[in-house]
């Protein structure tokens, strides 16, 4: 089975991560929960609610990092979440300028090129 997720499946993961206990699942979650559960991105708790697995949490974080890297490549003044900017900075994909803006490094550009090439 292919681990590539659609935009709708990513949205379902995001909604599951933000949902509170006892909250009724949305139609988006209902449409995608079988595949996400089969791929081990989510699991059912004993009380029946859905929760993200570690794999699901990592997948969402990596997607946020890729989206952040793309955003910085088009607009250096993009606001990034603290954990995303910290991760991208530690990995050498972005640097922070004195004025608070971000700059994508050569390594970051190469990573984006690799991501784009593998998406085809």
PDB file of N, CA and C in Angstrom:
ATOM      1  N   UNK A   1       0.845  -1.189   0.000  1.00  0.00           N
ATOM      2  CA  UNK A   1       0.000   0.000   0.000  1.00  0.00           C
ATOM      3  C   UNK A   1       0.885   1.245   0.000  1.00  0.00           C
ATOM      4  N   UNK A   2       0.471   2.248  -0.724  1.00  0.00           N
ATOM      5  CA  UNK A   2       1.237   3.478  -0.887  1.00  0.00           C
ATOM      6  C   UNK A   2       1.055   4.385   0.330  1.00  0.00           C
ATOM      7  N   UNK A   3       2.157   4.889   0.889  1.00  0.00           N
ATOM      8  CA  UNK A   3       2.085   5.781   2.053  1.00  0.00           C
ATOM      9  C   UNK A   3       1.862   7.240   1.672  1.00  0.00           C
ATOM     10  N   UNK A   4       1.760   7.558   0.393  1.00  0.00           N
ATOM     11  CA  UNK A   4       1.511   8.940  -0.017  1.00  0.00           C
ATOM     12  C   UNK A   4       0.084   9.313   0.333  1.00  0.00           C
ATOM     13  N   UNK A   5      -0.060  10.476   0.908  1.00  0.00           N
ATOM     14  CA  UNK A   5      -1.379  10.927   1.334  1.00  0.00           C
ATOM     15  C   UNK A   5      -1.873  12.058   0.443  1.00  0.00           C
ATOM     16  N   UNK A   6      -3.187  12.119   0.299  1.00  0.00           N
ATOM     17  CA  UNK A   6      -3.803  13.209  -0.446  1.00  0.00           C
ATOM     18  C   UNK A   6      -3.971  14.402   0.482  1.00  0.00           C
ATOM     19  N   UNK A   7      -4.332  15.528  -0.101  1.00  0.00           N
ATOM     20  CA  UNK A   7      -4.587  16.728   0.695  1.00  0.00           C
ATOM     21  C   UNK A   7      -5.715  16.474   1.679  1.00  0.00           C
ATOM     22  N   UNK A   8      -6.736  15.758   1.251  1.00  0.00           N
ATOM     23  CA  UNK A   8      -7.875  15.440   2.114  1.00  0.00           C
ATOM     24  C   UNK A   8      -7.446  14.565   3.296  1.00  0.00           C
ATOM     25  N   UNK A   9      -6.551  13.619   3.039  1.00  0.00           N
ATOM     26  CA  UNK A   9      -6.076  12.750   4.114  1.00  0.00           C
ATOM     27  C   UNK A   9      -5.207  13.520   5.103  1.00  0.00           C
ATOM     28  N   UNK A  10      -4.392  14.449   4.603  1.00  0.00           N
ATOM     29  CA  UNK A  10      -3.620  15.306   5.510  1.00  0.00           C
ATOM     30  C   UNK A  10      -4.555  16.164   6.356  1.00  0.00           C
ATOM     31  N   UNK A  11      -5.614  16.662   5.760  1.00  0.00           N
ATOM     32  CA  UNK A  11      -6.585  17.472   6.502  1.00  0.00           C
ATOM     33  C   UNK A  11      -7.253  16.633   7.587  1.00  0.00           C
ATOM     34  N   UNK A  12      -7.571  15.385   7.284  1.00  0.00           N
ATOM     35  CA  UNK A  12      -8.159  14.496   8.285  1.00  0.00           C
ATOM     36  C   UNK A  12      -7.183  14.276   9.441  1.00  0.00           C
ATOM     37  N   UNK A  13      -5.907  14.053   9.129  1.00  0.00           N
ATOM     38  CA  UNK A  13      -4.895  13.903  10.187  1.00  0.00           C
ATOM     39  C   UNK A  13      -4.831  15.149  11.061  1.00  0.00           C
ATOM     40  N   UNK A  14      -4.842  16.297  10.411  1.00  0.00           N
ATOM     41  CA  UNK A  14      -4.784  17.560  11.135  1.00  0.00           C
ATOM     42  C   UNK A  14      -5.991  17.710  12.057  1.00  0.00           C
ATOM     43  N   UNK A  15      -7.170  17.380  11.561  1.00  0.00           N
ATOM     44  CA  UNK A  15      -8.389  17.487  12.368  1.00  0.00           C
ATOM     45  C   UNK A  15      -8.374  16.515  13.542  1.00  0.00           C
ATOM     46  N   UNK A  16      -7.872  15.303  13.320  1.00  0.00           N
ATOM     47  CA  UNK A  16      -7.784  14.326  14.406  1.00  0.00           C
ATOM     48  C   UNK A  16      -6.821  14.814  15.477  1.00  0.00           C
ATOM     49  N   UNK A  17      -5.725  15.417  15.059  1.00  0.00           N
ATOM     50  CA  UNK A  17      -4.756  15.944  16.021  1.00  0.00           C
ATOM     51  C   UNK A  17      -5.296  17.072  16.868  1.00  0.00           C
ATOM     52  N   UNK A  18      -6.222  17.856  16.314  1.00  0.00           N
ATOM     53  CA  UNK A  18      -6.783  18.997  17.036  1.00  0.00           C
ATOM     54  C   UNK A  18      -8.094  18.680  17.750  1.00  0.00           C
ATOM     55  N   UNK A  19      -8.690  17.523  17.474  1.00  0.00           N
ATOM     56  CA  UNK A  19      -9.999  17.179  18.035  1.00  0.00           C
ATOM     57  C   UNK A  19      -9.901  16.923  19.539  1.00  0.00           C
ATOM     58  N   UNK A  20     -10.952  17.283  20.231  1.00  0.00           N
ATOM     59  CA  UNK A  20     -11.010  17.005  21.660  1.00  0.00           C
ATOM     60  C   UNK A  20     -11.777  15.700  21.887  1.00  0.00           C
ATOM     61  N   UNK A  21     -11.602  15.131  23.056  1.00  0.00           N
ATOM     62  CA  UNK A  21     -12.280  13.877  23.379  1.00  0.00           C
ATOM     63  C   UNK A  21     -13.792  14.053  23.287  1.00  0.00           C
ATOM     64  N   UNK A  22     -14.421  13.050  22.738  1.00  0.00           N
ATOM     65  CA  UNK A  22     -15.866  13.064  22.655  1.00  0.00           C
ATOM     66  C   UNK A  22     -16.409  13.860  21.483  1.00  0.00           C
ATOM     67  N   UNK A  23     -15.530  14.563  20.781  1.00  0.00           N
ATOM     68  CA  UNK A  23     -15.969  15.346  19.632  1.00  0.00           C
ATOM     69  C   UNK A  23     -16.316  14.399  18.489  1.00  0.00           C
ATOM     70  N   UNK A  24     -17.434  14.656  17.848  1.00  0.00           N
ATOM     71  CA  UNK A  24     -17.867  13.805  16.752  1.00  0.00           C
ATOM     72  C   UNK A  24     -16.959  14.026  15.535  1.00  0.00           C
ATOM     73  N   UNK A  25     -16.510  12.932  14.900  1.00  0.00           N
ATOM     74  CA  UNK A  25     -15.632  13.071  13.741  1.00  0.00           C
ATOM     75  C   UNK A  25     -16.335  13.754  12.570  1.00  0.00           C
ATOM     76  N   UNK A  26     -15.584  14.557  11.843  1.00  0.00           N
ATOM     77  CA  UNK A  26     -16.134  15.236  10.673  1.00  0.00           C
ATOM     78  C   UNK A  26     -16.258  14.250   9.515  1.00  0.00           C
ATOM     79  N   UNK A  27     -16.901  14.690   8.452  1.00  0.00           N
ATOM     80  CA  UNK A  27     -17.039  13.858   7.259  1.00  0.00           C
ATOM     81  C   UNK A  27     -15.669  13.559   6.658  1.00  0.00           C
ATOM     82  N   UNK A  28     -14.769  14.521   6.736  1.00  0.00           N
ATOM     83  CA  UNK A  28     -13.410  14.341   6.228  1.00  0.00           C
ATOM     84  C   UNK A  28     -12.710  13.202   6.970  1.00  0.00           C
ATOM     85  N   UNK A  29     -12.850  13.176   8.272  1.00  0.00           N
ATOM     86  CA  UNK A  29     -12.236  12.112   9.073  1.00  0.00           C
ATOM     87  C   UNK A  29     -12.887  10.777   8.747  1.00  0.00           C
ATOM     88  N   UNK A  30     -14.207  10.760   8.639  1.00  0.00           N
ATOM     89  CA  UNK A  30     -14.923   9.518   8.346  1.00  0.00           C
ATOM     90  C   UNK A  30     -14.507   8.939   6.996  1.00  0.00           C
ATOM     91  N   UNK A  31     -14.317   9.798   5.992  1.00  0.00           N
ATOM     92  CA  UNK A  31     -13.909   9.351   4.659  1.00  0.00           C
ATOM     93  C   UNK A  31     -12.523   8.717   4.659  1.00  0.00           C
ATOM     94  N   UNK A  32     -11.648   9.205   5.512  1.00  0.00           N
ATOM     95  CA  UNK A  32     -10.234   8.830   5.432  1.00  0.00           C
ATOM     96  C   UNK A  32      -9.727   7.954   6.561  1.00  0.00           C
ATOM     97  N   UNK A  33     -10.522   7.705   7.572  1.00  0.00           N
ATOM     98  CA  UNK A  33     -10.023   7.006   8.756  1.00  0.00           C
ATOM     99  C   UNK A  33      -9.598   5.564   8.464  1.00  0.00           C
ATOM    100  N   UNK A  34     -10.283   4.874   7.565  1.00  0.00           N
ATOM    101  CA  UNK A  34      -9.916   3.487   7.283  1.00  0.00           C
ATOM    102  C   UNK A  34      -8.496   3.393   6.717  1.00  0.00           C
ATOM    103  N   UNK A  35      -8.187   4.234   5.720  1.00  0.00           N
ATOM    104  CA  UNK A  35      -6.844   4.207   5.129  1.00  0.00           C
ATOM    105  C   UNK A  35      -5.800   4.668   6.143  1.00  0.00           C
ATOM    106  N   UNK A  36      -6.088   5.748   6.879  1.00  0.00           N
ATOM    107  CA  UNK A  36      -5.126   6.267   7.852  1.00  0.00           C
ATOM    108  C   UNK A  36      -4.852   5.258   8.956  1.00  0.00           C
ATOM    109  N   UNK A  37      -5.877   4.525   9.356  1.00  0.00           N
ATOM    110  CA  UNK A  37      -5.698   3.491  10.367  1.00  0.00           C
ATOM    111  C   UNK A  37      -4.883   2.329   9.798  1.00  0.00           C
ATOM    112  N   UNK A  38      -5.149   1.953   8.559  1.00  0.00           N
ATOM    113  CA  UNK A  38      -4.400   0.872   7.920  1.00  0.00           C
ATOM    114  C   UNK A  38      -2.928   1.198   7.748  1.00  0.00           C
ATOM    115  N   UNK A  39      -2.625   2.477   7.517  1.00  0.00           N
ATOM    116  CA  UNK A  39      -1.236   2.910   7.364  1.00  0.00           C
ATOM    117  C   UNK A  39      -0.574   3.232   8.701  1.00  0.00           C
ATOM    118  N   UNK A  40      -1.307   3.050   9.785  1.00  0.00           N
ATOM    119  CA  UNK A  40      -0.809   3.270  11.152  1.00  0.00           C
ATOM    120  C   UNK A  40      -0.528   4.742  11.470  1.00  0.00           C
ATOM    121  N   UNK A  41      -1.272   5.659  10.838  1.00  0.00           N
ATOM    122  CA  UNK A  41      -1.159   7.081  11.159  1.00  0.00           C
ATOM    123  C   UNK A  41      -2.069   7.445  12.327  1.00  0.00           C
ATOM    124  N   UNK A  42      -3.149   6.689  12.498  1.00  0.00           N
ATOM    125  CA  UNK A  42      -4.082   6.911  13.600  1.00  0.00           C
ATOM    126  C   UNK A  42      -4.405   5.573  14.254  1.00  0.00           C
ATOM    127  N   UNK A  43      -4.959   5.649  15.445  1.00  0.00           N
ATOM    128  CA  UNK A  43      -5.422   4.439  16.116  1.00  0.00           C
ATOM    129  C   UNK A  43      -6.684   4.778  16.893  1.00  0.00           C
ATOM    130  N   UNK A  44      -7.412   3.742  17.269  1.00  0.00           N
ATOM    131  CA  UNK A  44      -8.629   3.903  18.061  1.00  0.00           C
ATOM    132  C   UNK A  44      -8.268   3.665  19.524  1.00  0.00           C
ATOM    133  N   UNK A  45      -8.631   4.609  20.373  1.00  0.00           N
ATOM    134  CA  UNK A  45      -8.410   4.436  21.805  1.00  0.00           C
ATOM    135  C   UNK A  45      -9.461   3.473  22.352  1.00  0.00           C
ATOM    136  N   UNK A  46      -9.288   3.014  23.577  1.00  0.00           N
ATOM    137  CA  UNK A  46     -10.241   2.076  24.176  1.00  0.00           C
ATOM    138  C   UNK A  46     -11.634   2.666  24.285  1.00  0.00           C
ATOM    139  N   UNK A  47     -11.707   3.991  24.449  1.00  0.00           N
ATOM    140  CA  UNK A  47     -13.025   4.623  24.545  1.00  0.00           C
ATOM    141  C   UNK A  47     -13.627   4.942  23.177  1.00  0.00           C
ATOM    142  N   UNK A  48     -12.917   4.570  22.092  1.00  0.00           N
ATOM    143  CA  UNK A  48     -13.464   4.709  20.755  1.00  0.00           C
ATOM    144  C   UNK A  48     -13.031   5.935  19.980  1.00  0.00           C
ATOM    145  N   UNK A  49     -12.441   6.930  20.636  1.00  0.00           N
ATOM    146  CA  UNK A  49     -12.046   8.126  19.876  1.00  0.00           C
ATOM    147  C   UNK A  49     -10.755   7.857  19.098  1.00  0.00           C
ATOM    148  N   UNK A  50     -10.555   8.630  18.060  1.00  0.00           N
ATOM    149  CA  UNK A  50      -9.377   8.493  17.218  1.00  0.00           C
ATOM    150  C   UNK A  50      -8.247   9.356  17.755  1.00  0.00           C
ATOM    151  N   UNK A  51      -7.030   8.863  17.632  1.00  0.00           N
ATOM    152  CA  UNK A  51      -5.872   9.642  18.058  1.00  0.00           C
ATOM    153  C   UNK A  51      -4.723   9.385  17.092  1.00  0.00           C
ATOM    154  N   UNK A  52      -3.848  10.364  16.991  1.00  0.00           N
ATOM    155  CA  UNK A  52      -2.676  10.236  16.136  1.00  0.00           C
ATOM    156  C   UNK A  52      -1.667   9.304  16.774  1.00  0.00           C
ATOM    157  N   UNK A  53      -1.048   8.494  15.950  1.00  0.00           N
ATOM    158  CA  UNK A  53       0.076   7.694  16.422  1.00  0.00           C
ATOM    159  C   UNK A  53       1.336   8.550  16.293  1.00  0.00           C
ATOM    160  N   UNK A  54       2.447   8.030  16.750  1.00  0.00           N
ATOM    161  CA  UNK A  54       3.710   8.764  16.611  1.00  0.00           C
ATOM    162  C   UNK A  54       4.027   8.991  15.137  1.00  0.00           C
ATOM    163  N   UNK A  55       3.741   7.993  14.313  1.00  0.00           N
ATOM    164  CA  UNK A  55       3.959   8.115  12.872  1.00  0.00           C
ATOM    165  C   UNK A  55       3.094   9.239  12.293  1.00  0.00           C
ATOM    166  N   UNK A  56       1.864   9.343  12.743  1.00  0.00           N
ATOM    167  CA  UNK A  56       0.967  10.405  12.279  1.00  0.00           C
ATOM    168  C   UNK A  56       1.456  11.779  12.699  1.00  0.00           C
ATOM    169  N   UNK A  57       1.929  11.898  13.930  1.00  0.00           N
ATOM    170  CA  UNK A  57       2.452  13.171  14.426  1.00  0.00           C
ATOM    171  C   UNK A  57       3.689  13.591  13.639  1.00  0.00           C
ATOM    172  N   UNK A  58       4.575  12.651  13.371  1.00  0.00           N
ATOM    173  CA  UNK A  58       5.785  12.951  12.605  1.00  0.00           C
ATOM    174  C   UNK A  58       5.444  13.365  11.177  1.00  0.00           C
ATOM    175  N   UNK A  59       4.468  12.710  10.599  1.00  0.00           N
ATOM    176  CA  UNK A  59       4.054  13.033   9.235  1.00  0.00           C
ATOM    177  C   UNK A  59       3.507  14.449   9.155  1.00  0.00           C
ATOM    178  N   UNK A  60       2.666  14.820  10.116  1.00  0.00           N
ATOM    179  CA  UNK A  60       2.128  16.183  10.139  1.00  0.00           C
ATOM    180  C   UNK A  60       3.230  17.214  10.335  1.00  0.00           C
ATOM    181  N   UNK A  61       4.178  16.923  11.219  1.00  0.00           N
ATOM    182  CA  UNK A  61       5.266  17.861  11.462  1.00  0.00           C
ATOM    183  C   UNK A  61       6.135  18.036  10.218  1.00  0.00           C
ATOM    184  N   UNK A  62       6.448  16.942   9.556  1.00  0.00           N
ATOM    185  CA  UNK A  62       7.260  17.038   8.337  1.00  0.00           C
ATOM    186  C   UNK A  62       6.535  17.825   7.251  1.00  0.00           C
ATOM    187  N   UNK A  63       5.229  17.652   7.162  1.00  0.00           N
ATOM    188  CA  UNK A  63       4.464  18.432   6.184  1.00  0.00           C
ATOM    189  C   UNK A  63       4.518  19.923   6.530  1.00  0.00           C
ATOM    190  N   UNK A  64       4.420  20.248   7.824  1.00  0.00           N
ATOM    191  CA  UNK A  64       4.534  21.649   8.242  1.00  0.00           C
ATOM    192  C   UNK A  64       5.908  22.207   7.892  1.00  0.00           C
ATOM    193  N   UNK A  65       6.942  21.400   8.056  1.00  0.00           N
ATOM    194  CA  UNK A  65       8.298  21.845   7.727  1.00  0.00           C
ATOM    195  C   UNK A  65       8.455  22.077   6.229  1.00  0.00           C
ATOM    196  N   UNK A  66       7.910  21.191   5.414  1.00  0.00           N
ATOM    197  CA  UNK A  66       8.000  21.352   3.962  1.00  0.00           C
ATOM    198  C   UNK A  66       7.229  22.597   3.529  1.00  0.00           C
ATOM    199  N   UNK A  67       6.030  22.778   4.085  1.00  0.00           N
ATOM    200  CA  UNK A  67       5.248  23.972   3.747  1.00  0.00           C
ATOM    201  C   UNK A  67       5.961  25.237   4.209  1.00  0.00           C
ATOM    202  N   UNK A  68       6.604  25.186   5.375  1.00  0.00           N
ATOM    203  CA  UNK A  68       7.367  26.323   5.872  1.00  0.00           C
ATOM    204  C   UNK A  68       8.558  26.642   4.989  1.00  0.00           C
ATOM    205  N   UNK A  69       9.240  25.617   4.541  1.00  0.00           N
ATOM    206  CA  UNK A  69      10.384  25.804   3.651  1.00  0.00           C
ATOM    207  C   UNK A  69       9.942  26.416   2.324  1.00  0.00           C
ATOM    208  N   UNK A  70       8.838  25.947   1.793  1.00  0.00           N
ATOM    209  CA  UNK A  70       8.294  26.520   0.555  1.00  0.00           C
ATOM    210  C   UNK A  70       7.903  27.988   0.766  1.00  0.00           C
ATOM    211  N   UNK A  71       7.294  28.273   1.912  1.00  0.00           N
ATOM    212  CA  UNK A  71       6.871  29.642   2.202  1.00  0.00           C
ATOM    213  C   UNK A  71       8.074  30.577   2.304  1.00  0.00           C
ATOM    214  N   UNK A  72       9.132  30.138   2.967  1.00  0.00           N
ATOM    215  CA  UNK A  72      10.340  30.962   3.102  1.00  0.00           C
ATOM    216  C   UNK A  72      10.988  31.178   1.737  1.00  0.00           C
ATOM    217  N   UNK A  73      10.901  30.187   0.864  1.00  0.00           N
ATOM    218  CA  UNK A  73      11.514  30.334  -0.463  1.00  0.00           C
ATOM    219  C   UNK A  73      10.809  31.401  -1.295  1.00  0.00           C
ATOM    220  N   UNK A  74       9.540  31.657  -1.014  1.00  0.00           N
ATOM    221  CA  UNK A  74       8.812  32.684  -1.769  1.00  0.00           C
ATOM    222  C   UNK A  74       8.720  34.011  -1.024  1.00  0.00           C
ATOM    223  N   UNK A  75       8.704  33.964   0.327  1.00  0.00           N
ATOM    224  CA  UNK A  75       8.571  35.189   1.122  1.00  0.00           C
ATOM    225  C   UNK A  75       9.439  35.075   2.378  1.00  0.00           C
ATOM    226  N   UNK A  76      10.570  35.757   2.429  1.00  0.00           N
ATOM    227  CA  UNK A  76      11.471  35.668   3.591  1.00  0.00           C
ATOM    228  C   UNK A  76      10.855  36.179   4.898  1.00  0.00           C
ATOM    229  N   UNK A  77       9.796  36.958   4.811  1.00  0.00           N
ATOM    230  CA  UNK A  77       9.156  37.489   6.017  1.00  0.00           C
ATOM    231  C   UNK A  77       8.047  36.588   6.546  1.00  0.00           C
ATOM    232  N   UNK A  78       7.936  35.391   6.022  1.00  0.00           N
ATOM    233  CA  UNK A  78       6.929  34.434   6.454  1.00  0.00           C
ATOM    234  C   UNK A  78       7.101  34.131   7.937  1.00  0.00           C
ATOM    235  N   UNK A  79       5.984  34.077   8.641  1.00  0.00           N
ATOM    236  CA  UNK A  79       6.001  33.694  10.048  1.00  0.00           C
ATOM    237  C   UNK A  79       5.941  32.171  10.133  1.00  0.00           C
ATOM    238  N   UNK A  80       6.911  31.574  10.799  1.00  0.00           N
ATOM    239  CA  UNK A  80       6.953  30.128  10.980  1.00  0.00           C
ATOM    240  C   UNK A  80       6.686  29.796  12.438  1.00  0.00           C
ATOM    241  N   UNK A  81       6.095  28.639  12.667  1.00  0.00           N
ATOM    242  CA  UNK A  81       5.930  28.151  14.033  1.00  0.00           C
ATOM    243  C   UNK A  81       7.325  27.952  14.636  1.00  0.00           C
ATOM    244  N   UNK A  82       7.412  28.136  15.935  1.00  0.00           N
ATOM    245  CA  UNK A  82       8.717  28.063  16.601  1.00  0.00           C
ATOM    246  C   UNK A  82       9.399  26.716  16.394  1.00  0.00           C
ATOM    247  N   UNK A  83       8.641  25.620  16.522  1.00  0.00           N
ATOM    248  CA  UNK A  83       9.261  24.305  16.368  1.00  0.00           C
ATOM    249  C   UNK A  83       9.705  24.046  14.926  1.00  0.00           C
ATOM    250  N   UNK A  84       8.963  24.583  13.965  1.00  0.00           N
ATOM    251  CA  UNK A  84       9.324  24.417  12.558  1.00  0.00           C
ATOM    252  C   UNK A  84      10.594  25.207  12.243  1.00  0.00           C
ATOM    253  N   UNK A  85      10.660  26.463  12.679  1.00  0.00           N
ATOM    254  CA  UNK A  85      11.853  27.272  12.394  1.00  0.00           C
ATOM    255  C   UNK A  85      13.077  26.710  13.116  1.00  0.00           C
ATOM    256  N   UNK A  86      12.887  26.200  14.316  1.00  0.00           N
ATOM    257  CA  UNK A  86      13.994  25.593  15.052  1.00  0.00           C
ATOM    258  C   UNK A  86      14.524  24.361  14.313  1.00  0.00           C
ATOM    259  N   UNK A  87      13.609  23.501  13.878  1.00  0.00           N
ATOM    260  CA  UNK A  87      14.003  22.282  13.162  1.00  0.00           C
ATOM    261  C   UNK A  87      14.713  22.615  11.852  1.00  0.00           C
ATOM    262  N   UNK A  88      14.111  23.499  11.062  1.00  0.00           N
ATOM    263  CA  UNK A  88      14.716  23.853   9.771  1.00  0.00           C
ATOM    264  C   UNK A  88      16.062  24.539   9.960  1.00  0.00           C
ATOM    265  N   UNK A  89      16.198  25.336  11.019  1.00  0.00           N
ATOM    266  CA  UNK A  89      17.469  25.983  11.320  1.00  0.00           C
ATOM    267  C   UNK A  89      18.536  24.984  11.740  1.00  0.00           C
ATOM    268  N   UNK A  90      18.158  24.029  12.593  1.00  0.00           N
ATOM    269  CA  UNK A  90      19.122  23.017  13.047  1.00  0.00           C
ATOM    270  C   UNK A  90      19.595  22.124  11.905  1.00  0.00           C
ATOM    271  N   UNK A  91      18.704  21.866  10.960  1.00  0.00           N
ATOM    272  CA  UNK A  91      19.055  21.020   9.827  1.00  0.00           C
ATOM    273  C   UNK A  91      19.775  21.788   8.728  1.00  0.00           C
ATOM    274  N   UNK A  92      19.918  23.098   8.897  1.00  0.00           N
ATOM    275  CA  UNK A  92      20.665  23.899   7.938  1.00  0.00           C
ATOM    276  C   UNK A  92      19.888  24.252   6.682  1.00  0.00           C
ATOM    277  N   UNK A  93      18.560  24.216   6.757  1.00  0.00           N
ATOM    278  CA  UNK A  93      17.742  24.540   5.588  1.00  0.00           C
ATOM    279  C   UNK A  93      17.414  26.029   5.506  1.00  0.00           C
ATOM    280  N   UNK A  94      17.400  26.704   6.640  1.00  0.00           N
ATOM    281  CA  UNK A  94      17.139  28.143   6.664  1.00  0.00           C
ATOM    282  C   UNK A  94      18.086  28.806   7.652  1.00  0.00           C
ATOM    283  N   UNK A  95      18.263  30.096   7.479  1.00  0.00           N
ATOM    284  CA  UNK A  95      18.985  30.917   8.461  1.00  0.00           C
ATOM    285  C   UNK A  95      18.120  32.123   8.758  1.00  0.00           C
ATOM    286  N   UNK A  96      18.321  32.694   9.919  1.00  0.00           N
ATOM    287  CA  UNK A  96      17.570  33.888  10.308  1.00  0.00           C
ATOM    288  C   UNK A  96      18.475  35.097  10.178  1.00  0.00           C
ATOM    289  N   UNK A  97      17.977  36.104   9.490  1.00  0.00           N
ATOM    290  CA  UNK A  97      18.725  37.344   9.308  1.00  0.00           C
ATOM    291  C   UNK A  97      18.542  38.253  10.516  1.00  0.00           C
ATOM    292  N   UNK A  98      19.350  39.307  10.606  1.00  0.00           N
ATOM    293  CA  UNK A  98      19.275  40.249  11.719  1.00  0.00           C
ATOM    294  C   UNK A  98      17.932  40.964  11.789  1.00  0.00           C
ATOM    295  N   UNK A  99      17.291  41.162  10.633  1.00  0.00           N
ATOM    296  CA  UNK A  99      16.009  41.868  10.618  1.00  0.00           C
ATOM    297  C   UNK A  99      14.823  40.957  10.945  1.00  0.00           C
ATOM    298  N   UNK A 100      15.081  39.696  11.271  1.00  0.00           N
ATOM    299  CA  UNK A 100      14.017  38.774  11.645  1.00  0.00           C
ATOM    300  C   UNK A 100      13.482  37.954  10.490  1.00  0.00           C
ATOM    301  N   UNK A 101      13.916  38.243   9.286  1.00  0.00           N
ATOM    302  CA  UNK A 101      13.462  37.477   8.134  1.00  0.00           C
ATOM    303  C   UNK A 101      14.275  36.185   8.027  1.00  0.00           C
ATOM    304  N   UNK A 102      13.775  35.265   7.240  1.00  0.00           N
ATOM    305  CA  UNK A 102      14.460  33.991   7.032  1.00  0.00           C
ATOM    306  C   UNK A 102      15.078  33.976   5.643  1.00  0.00           C
ATOM    307  N   UNK A 103      16.100  33.163   5.499  1.00  0.00           N
ATOM    308  CA  UNK A 103      16.716  32.973   4.194  1.00  0.00           C
ATOM    309  C   UNK A 103      16.908  31.480   3.993  1.00  0.00           C
ATOM    310  N   UNK A 104      16.485  31.001   2.850  1.00  0.00           N
ATOM    311  CA  UNK A 104      16.656  29.582   2.546  1.00  0.00           C
ATOM    312  C   UNK A 104      18.102  29.359   2.101  1.00  0.00           C
ATOM    313  N   UNK A 105      18.716  28.312   2.606  1.00  0.00           N
ATOM    314  CA  UNK A 105      20.104  28.009   2.277  1.00  0.00           C
ATOM    315  C   UNK A 105      20.159  27.143   1.016  1.00  0.00           C
ATOM    316  N   UNK A 106      21.358  26.926   0.543  1.00  0.00           N
ATOM    317  CA  UNK A 106      21.541  26.046  -0.616  1.00  0.00           C
ATOM    318  C   UNK A 106      21.024  24.651  -0.296  1.00  0.00           C
ATOM    319  N   UNK A 107      21.279  24.193   0.901  1.00  0.00           N
ATOM    320  CA  UNK A 107      20.798  22.877   1.326  1.00  0.00           C
ATOM    321  C   UNK A 107      19.274  22.827   1.306  1.00  0.00           C
ATOM    322  N   UNK A 108      18.638  23.901   1.735  1.00  0.00           N
ATOM    323  CA  UNK A 108      17.183  23.979   1.708  1.00  0.00           C
ATOM    324  C   UNK A 108      16.643  23.945   0.293  1.00  0.00           C
ATOM    325  N   UNK A 109      17.286  24.665  -0.611  1.00  0.00           N
ATOM    326  CA  UNK A 109      16.866  24.655  -2.027  1.00  0.00           C
ATOM    327  C   UNK A 109      17.019  23.257  -2.630  1.00  0.00           C
ATOM    328  N   UNK A 110      18.116  22.590  -2.288  1.00  0.00           N
ATOM    329  CA  UNK A 110      18.332  21.235  -2.793  1.00  0.00           C
ATOM    330  C   UNK A 110      17.278  20.275  -2.242  1.00  0.00           C
ATOM    331  N   UNK A 111      16.932  20.440  -0.980  1.00  0.00           N
ATOM    332  CA  UNK A 111      15.903  19.584  -0.385  1.00  0.00           C
ATOM    333  C   UNK A 111      14.555  19.792  -1.059  1.00  0.00           C
ATOM    334  N   UNK A 112      14.200  21.044  -1.315  1.00  0.00           N
ATOM    335  CA  UNK A 112      12.945  21.321  -2.018  1.00  0.00           C
ATOM    336  C   UNK A 112      12.953  20.725  -3.420  1.00  0.00           C
ATOM    337  N   UNK A 113      14.080  20.819  -4.098  1.00  0.00           N
ATOM    338  CA  UNK A 113      14.194  20.250  -5.441  1.00  0.00           C
ATOM    339  C   UNK A 113      14.011  18.727  -5.391  1.00  0.00           C
ATOM    340  N   UNK A 114      14.606  18.077  -4.379  1.00  0.00           N
ATOM    341  CA  UNK A 114      14.460  16.635  -4.224  1.00  0.00           C
ATOM    342  C   UNK A 114      13.008  16.255  -3.921  1.00  0.00           C
ATOM    343  N   UNK A 115      12.356  17.042  -3.073  1.00  0.00           N
ATOM    344  CA  UNK A 115      10.954  16.781  -2.731  1.00  0.00           C
ATOM    345  C   UNK A 115      10.081  16.917  -3.965  1.00  0.00           C
ATOM    346  N   UNK A 116      10.309  17.966  -4.727  1.00  0.00           N
ATOM    347  CA  UNK A 116       9.531  18.177  -5.944  1.00  0.00           C
ATOM    348  C   UNK A 116       9.780  17.064  -6.961  1.00  0.00           C
ATOM    349  N   UNK A 117      11.019  16.614  -7.084  1.00  0.00           N
ATOM    350  CA  UNK A 117      11.356  15.560  -8.026  1.00  0.00           C
ATOM    351  C   UNK A 117      10.717  14.228  -7.630  1.00  0.00           C
ATOM    352  N   UNK A 118      10.653  13.950  -6.340  1.00  0.00           N
ATOM    353  CA  UNK A 118      10.086  12.666  -5.881  1.00  0.00           C
ATOM    354  C   UNK A 118       8.563  12.686  -5.910  1.00  0.00           C
ATOM    355  N   UNK A 119       7.972  13.858  -5.959  1.00  0.00           N
ATOM    356  CA  UNK A 119       6.508  13.969  -5.982  1.00  0.00           C
ATOM    357  C   UNK A 119       5.945  13.648  -7.366  1.00  0.00           C
ATOM    358  N   UNK A 120       6.783  13.622  -8.356  1.00  0.00           N
ATOM    359  CA  UNK A 120       6.302  13.382  -9.732  1.00  0.00           C
ATOM    360  C   UNK A 120       6.133  11.917 -10.019  1.00  0.00           C
TER     361      UNK A 120
END
